[in-house]
Protein backbone atom coordinates (compact mmCIF):
# COMPACT_ATOMS: atom_id res chain seq x y z
CA UNK A 1 0.00 0.00 0.00
CA UNK A 2 1.23 3.51 -0.82
CA UNK A 3 1.75 5.91 2.04
CA UNK A 4 -0.12 9.20 1.61
CA UNK A 5 1.89 12.26 2.56
CA UNK A 6 0.60 15.76 3.00
CA UNK A 7 2.02 18.36 0.59
CA UNK A 8 2.77 20.42 3.69
CA UNK A 9 4.61 18.11 6.12
CA UNK A 10 4.01 20.34 9.14
CA UNK A 11 0.28 20.57 8.45
CA UNK A 12 -2.22 18.10 9.85
CA UNK A 13 -3.26 15.07 7.86
CA UNK A 14 -6.79 16.15 7.08
CA UNK A 15 -8.19 19.21 5.42
CA UNK A 16 -9.10 21.10 7.53
CA UNK A 17 -6.60 19.79 10.05
CA UNK A 18 -9.13 19.82 12.90
CA UNK A 19 -11.28 16.71 13.22
CA UNK A 20 -14.91 16.81 12.23
CA UNK A 21 -17.46 17.42 14.98
CA UNK A 22 -20.73 15.47 14.91
CA UNK A 23 -23.79 17.66 14.28
CA UNK A 24 -25.25 16.97 17.74
CA UNK A 25 -22.09 18.25 19.46
CA UNK A 26 -21.86 21.23 17.09
CA UNK A 27 -25.39 22.27 18.03
CA UNK A 28 -24.57 21.94 21.73
CA UNK A 29 -21.50 24.15 21.19
CA UNK A 30 -23.60 26.84 19.51
CA UNK A 31 -22.85 25.93 15.90
CA UNK A 32 -25.38 25.63 13.12
CA UNK A 33 -26.27 22.29 11.62
CA UNK A 34 -26.75 22.20 7.88
CA UNK A 35 -29.07 19.47 6.75
CA UNK A 36 -29.03 18.29 3.17
CA UNK A 37 -32.35 19.06 1.49
CA UNK A 38 -34.34 16.06 0.43
CA UNK A 39 -37.62 15.39 -1.37
CA UNK A 40 -40.01 18.31 -1.68
CA UNK A 41 -37.79 20.50 0.51
CA UNK A 42 -35.09 20.36 -2.16
CA UNK A 43 -37.56 21.39 -4.85
CA UNK A 44 -39.23 24.20 -2.91
CA UNK A 45 -37.44 27.53 -3.01
CA UNK A 46 -37.70 29.97 -0.17
CA UNK A 47 -39.28 33.16 -1.47
CA UNK A 48 -39.85 36.39 0.34
CA UNK A 49 -43.42 37.63 0.55
CA UNK A 50 -44.33 40.31 -1.97
CA UNK A 51 -44.53 43.83 -0.66
CA UNK A 52 -46.78 46.62 -1.89
CA UNK A 53 -45.09 49.63 -3.54
CA UNK A 54 -46.17 51.86 -0.62
CA UNK A 55 -44.47 49.59 1.92
CA UNK A 56 -41.41 49.27 -0.32
CA UNK A 57 -40.91 53.05 -0.54
CA UNK A 58 -41.51 53.33 3.19
CA UNK A 59 -38.70 50.82 3.78
CA UNK A 60 -36.46 52.70 1.34
CA UNK A 61 -37.01 55.94 3.28
CA UNK A 62 -36.12 54.18 6.53
CA UNK A 63 -32.90 52.81 5.04
CA UNK A 64 -31.93 56.16 3.50
CA UNK A 65 -32.42 57.85 6.86
CA UNK A 66 -29.81 55.46 8.33
CA UNK A 67 -27.15 56.55 5.82
CA UNK A 68 -24.39 58.84 7.09
CA UNK A 69 -24.05 61.39 4.30
CA UNK A 70 -20.72 63.18 3.83
CA UNK A 71 -20.54 66.90 4.47
CA UNK A 72 -20.08 69.37 1.62
CA UNK A 73 -16.43 69.88 2.65
CA UNK A 74 -15.73 66.11 2.61
CA UNK A 75 -17.34 65.83 -0.84
CA UNK A 76 -15.26 68.70 -2.25
CA UNK A 77 -12.01 67.33 -0.80
CA UNK A 78 -12.74 63.84 -2.12
CA UNK A 79 -13.58 65.21 -5.57
CA UNK A 80 -10.33 67.19 -5.68
CA UNK A 81 -8.40 64.07 -4.62
CA UNK A 82 -10.02 62.08 -7.42
CA UNK A 83 -9.06 64.72 -10.01
CA UNK A 84 -5.47 64.77 -8.70
CA UNK A 85 -5.23 60.97 -8.93
CA UNK A 86 -6.66 61.03 -12.47
CA UNK A 87 -4.03 63.58 -13.51
CA UNK A 88 -1.22 61.56 -11.90
CA UNK A 89 -2.41 58.36 -13.63
CA UNK A 90 -2.76 60.15 -16.97
CA UNK A 91 0.79 61.51 -16.76
CA UNK A 92 2.13 58.10 -15.71
CA UNK A 93 0.44 56.26 -18.57
CA UNK A 94 1.52 58.97 -21.05
CA UNK A 95 5.16 58.56 -19.98
CA UNK A 96 4.96 54.74 -20.13
CA UNK A 97 3.27 54.91 -23.55
CA UNK A 98 5.97 57.25 -24.89
CA UNK A 99 8.73 54.98 -23.52
CA UNK A 100 7.19 51.89 -25.13
CA UNK A 101 6.68 53.85 -28.37
CA UNK A 102 10.37 54.86 -28.36
CA UNK A 103 11.54 51.28 -27.69
CA UNK A 104 9.34 49.78 -30.41
CA UNK A 105 10.38 52.40 -32.97
CA UNK A 106 14.04 51.81 -32.07
CA UNK A 107 13.70 48.03 -32.44
CA UNK A 108 11.81 48.33 -35.73
CA UNK A 109 14.37 50.85 -37.01
CA UNK A 110 17.23 48.39 -36.51
CA UNK A 111 16.04 46.28 -39.44
CA UNK A 112 16.03 49.06 -42.02
C-alpha atoms as a PDB file:
ATOM      1  CA  UNK A   1       0.000   0.000   0.000  1.00  0.00           C
ATOM      2  CA  UNK A   2       1.231   3.513  -0.824  1.00  0.00           C
ATOM      3  CA  UNK A   3       1.754   5.913   2.040  1.00  0.00           C
ATOM      4  CA  UNK A   4      -0.119   9.202   1.605  1.00  0.00           C
ATOM      5  CA  UNK A   5       1.894  12.261   2.559  1.00  0.00           C
ATOM      6  CA  UNK A   6       0.604  15.758   3.004  1.00  0.00           C
ATOM      7  CA  UNK A   7       2.022  18.360   0.590  1.00  0.00           C
ATOM      8  CA  UNK A   8       2.772  20.419   3.694  1.00  0.00           C
ATOM      9  CA  UNK A   9       4.615  18.111   6.120  1.00  0.00           C
ATOM     10  CA  UNK A  10       4.015  20.335   9.138  1.00  0.00           C
ATOM     11  CA  UNK A  11       0.280  20.567   8.453  1.00  0.00           C
ATOM     12  CA  UNK A  12      -2.220  18.099   9.847  1.00  0.00           C
ATOM     13  CA  UNK A  13      -3.260  15.070   7.858  1.00  0.00           C
ATOM     14  CA  UNK A  14      -6.794  16.152   7.077  1.00  0.00           C
ATOM     15  CA  UNK A  15      -8.188  19.206   5.420  1.00  0.00           C
ATOM     16  CA  UNK A  16      -9.101  21.100   7.527  1.00  0.00           C
ATOM     17  CA  UNK A  17      -6.599  19.790  10.051  1.00  0.00           C
ATOM     18  CA  UNK A  18      -9.133  19.822  12.897  1.00  0.00           C
ATOM     19  CA  UNK A  19     -11.278  16.706  13.217  1.00  0.00           C
ATOM     20  CA  UNK A  20     -14.908  16.806  12.233  1.00  0.00           C
ATOM     21  CA  UNK A  21     -17.463  17.424  14.982  1.00  0.00           C
ATOM     22  CA  UNK A  22     -20.732  15.473  14.912  1.00  0.00           C
ATOM     23  CA  UNK A  23     -23.793  17.659  14.285  1.00  0.00           C
ATOM     24  CA  UNK A  24     -25.251  16.968  17.745  1.00  0.00           C
ATOM     25  CA  UNK A  25     -22.085  18.249  19.463  1.00  0.00           C
ATOM     26  CA  UNK A  26     -21.860  21.229  17.092  1.00  0.00           C
ATOM     27  CA  UNK A  27     -25.388  22.274  18.033  1.00  0.00           C
ATOM     28  CA  UNK A  28     -24.571  21.943  21.729  1.00  0.00           C
ATOM     29  CA  UNK A  29     -21.501  24.151  21.192  1.00  0.00           C
ATOM     30  CA  UNK A  30     -23.602  26.839  19.510  1.00  0.00           C
ATOM     31  CA  UNK A  31     -22.847  25.928  15.901  1.00  0.00           C
ATOM     32  CA  UNK A  32     -25.377  25.632  13.115  1.00  0.00           C
ATOM     33  CA  UNK A  33     -26.270  22.289  11.625  1.00  0.00           C
ATOM     34  CA  UNK A  34     -26.748  22.205   7.885  1.00  0.00           C
ATOM     35  CA  UNK A  35     -29.074  19.473   6.746  1.00  0.00           C
ATOM     36  CA  UNK A  36     -29.031  18.285   3.167  1.00  0.00           C
ATOM     37  CA  UNK A  37     -32.351  19.059   1.491  1.00  0.00           C
ATOM     38  CA  UNK A  38     -34.344  16.059   0.429  1.00  0.00           C
ATOM     39  CA  UNK A  39     -37.618  15.387  -1.374  1.00  0.00           C
ATOM     40  CA  UNK A  40     -40.012  18.306  -1.685  1.00  0.00           C
ATOM     41  CA  UNK A  41     -37.794  20.499   0.506  1.00  0.00           C
ATOM     42  CA  UNK A  42     -35.087  20.364  -2.158  1.00  0.00           C
ATOM     43  CA  UNK A  43     -37.557  21.390  -4.853  1.00  0.00           C
ATOM     44  CA  UNK A  44     -39.234  24.199  -2.913  1.00  0.00           C
ATOM     45  CA  UNK A  45     -37.443  27.527  -3.005  1.00  0.00           C
ATOM     46  CA  UNK A  46     -37.701  29.969  -0.167  1.00  0.00           C
ATOM     47  CA  UNK A  47     -39.278  33.157  -1.466  1.00  0.00           C
ATOM     48  CA  UNK A  48     -39.855  36.395   0.336  1.00  0.00           C
ATOM     49  CA  UNK A  49     -43.423  37.632   0.550  1.00  0.00           C
ATOM     50  CA  UNK A  50     -44.327  40.310  -1.965  1.00  0.00           C
ATOM     51  CA  UNK A  51     -44.533  43.835  -0.655  1.00  0.00           C
ATOM     52  CA  UNK A  52     -46.777  46.621  -1.893  1.00  0.00           C
ATOM     53  CA  UNK A  53     -45.095  49.634  -3.536  1.00  0.00           C
ATOM     54  CA  UNK A  54     -46.166  51.859  -0.617  1.00  0.00           C
ATOM     55  CA  UNK A  55     -44.470  49.587   1.925  1.00  0.00           C
ATOM     56  CA  UNK A  56     -41.409  49.265  -0.318  1.00  0.00           C
ATOM     57  CA  UNK A  57     -40.911  53.048  -0.540  1.00  0.00           C
ATOM     58  CA  UNK A  58     -41.514  53.331   3.190  1.00  0.00           C
ATOM     59  CA  UNK A  59     -38.703  50.822   3.783  1.00  0.00           C
ATOM     60  CA  UNK A  60     -36.465  52.697   1.337  1.00  0.00           C
ATOM     61  CA  UNK A  61     -37.009  55.935   3.275  1.00  0.00           C
ATOM     62  CA  UNK A  62     -36.122  54.176   6.525  1.00  0.00           C
ATOM     63  CA  UNK A  63     -32.898  52.809   5.042  1.00  0.00           C
ATOM     64  CA  UNK A  64     -31.931  56.163   3.496  1.00  0.00           C
ATOM     65  CA  UNK A  65     -32.417  57.852   6.863  1.00  0.00           C
ATOM     66  CA  UNK A  66     -29.809  55.463   8.331  1.00  0.00           C
ATOM     67  CA  UNK A  67     -27.147  56.551   5.822  1.00  0.00           C
ATOM     68  CA  UNK A  68     -24.394  58.841   7.093  1.00  0.00           C
ATOM     69  CA  UNK A  69     -24.050  61.390   4.301  1.00  0.00           C
ATOM     70  CA  UNK A  70     -20.718  63.185   3.829  1.00  0.00           C
ATOM     71  CA  UNK A  71     -20.537  66.898   4.470  1.00  0.00           C
ATOM     72  CA  UNK A  72     -20.079  69.373   1.619  1.00  0.00           C
ATOM     73  CA  UNK A  73     -16.434  69.876   2.651  1.00  0.00           C
ATOM     74  CA  UNK A  74     -15.734  66.114   2.606  1.00  0.00           C
ATOM     75  CA  UNK A  75     -17.339  65.829  -0.840  1.00  0.00           C
ATOM     76  CA  UNK A  76     -15.260  68.700  -2.254  1.00  0.00           C
ATOM     77  CA  UNK A  77     -12.008  67.332  -0.801  1.00  0.00           C
ATOM     78  CA  UNK A  78     -12.742  63.839  -2.120  1.00  0.00           C
ATOM     79  CA  UNK A  79     -13.580  65.208  -5.568  1.00  0.00           C
ATOM     80  CA  UNK A  80     -10.326  67.190  -5.685  1.00  0.00           C
ATOM     81  CA  UNK A  81      -8.396  64.072  -4.621  1.00  0.00           C
ATOM     82  CA  UNK A  82     -10.016  62.076  -7.420  1.00  0.00           C
ATOM     83  CA  UNK A  83      -9.057  64.722 -10.008  1.00  0.00           C
ATOM     84  CA  UNK A  84      -5.469  64.773  -8.704  1.00  0.00           C
ATOM     85  CA  UNK A  85      -5.227  60.966  -8.929  1.00  0.00           C
ATOM     86  CA  UNK A  86      -6.657  61.032 -12.465  1.00  0.00           C
ATOM     87  CA  UNK A  87      -4.034  63.585 -13.512  1.00  0.00           C
ATOM     88  CA  UNK A  88      -1.223  61.560 -11.901  1.00  0.00           C
ATOM     89  CA  UNK A  89      -2.414  58.362 -13.626  1.00  0.00           C
ATOM     90  CA  UNK A  90      -2.763  60.150 -16.969  1.00  0.00           C
ATOM     91  CA  UNK A  91       0.794  61.509 -16.760  1.00  0.00           C
ATOM     92  CA  UNK A  92       2.130  58.101 -15.707  1.00  0.00           C
ATOM     93  CA  UNK A  93       0.444  56.262 -18.572  1.00  0.00           C
ATOM     94  CA  UNK A  94       1.521  58.966 -21.051  1.00  0.00           C
ATOM     95  CA  UNK A  95       5.163  58.560 -19.981  1.00  0.00           C
ATOM     96  CA  UNK A  96       4.955  54.745 -20.135  1.00  0.00           C
ATOM     97  CA  UNK A  97       3.273  54.910 -23.551  1.00  0.00           C
ATOM     98  CA  UNK A  98       5.972  57.249 -24.889  1.00  0.00           C
ATOM     99  CA  UNK A  99       8.727  54.980 -23.525  1.00  0.00           C
ATOM    100  CA  UNK A 100       7.188  51.894 -25.132  1.00  0.00           C
ATOM    101  CA  UNK A 101       6.683  53.854 -28.366  1.00  0.00           C
ATOM    102  CA  UNK A 102      10.372  54.865 -28.355  1.00  0.00           C
ATOM    103  CA  UNK A 103      11.541  51.283 -27.692  1.00  0.00           C
ATOM    104  CA  UNK A 104       9.335  49.784 -30.412  1.00  0.00           C
ATOM    105  CA  UNK A 105      10.378  52.404 -32.971  1.00  0.00           C
ATOM    106  CA  UNK A 106      14.044  51.812 -32.066  1.00  0.00           C
ATOM    107  CA  UNK A 107      13.702  48.029 -32.440  1.00  0.00           C
ATOM    108  CA  UNK A 108      11.813  48.328 -35.734  1.00  0.00           C
ATOM    109  CA  UNK A 109      14.371  50.849 -37.011  1.00  0.00           C
ATOM    110  CA  UNK A 110      17.228  48.386 -36.506  1.00  0.00           C
ATOM    111  CA  UNK A 111      16.040  46.278 -39.443  1.00  0.00           C
ATOM    112  CA  UNK A 112      16.027  49.063 -42.019  1.00  0.00           C
END
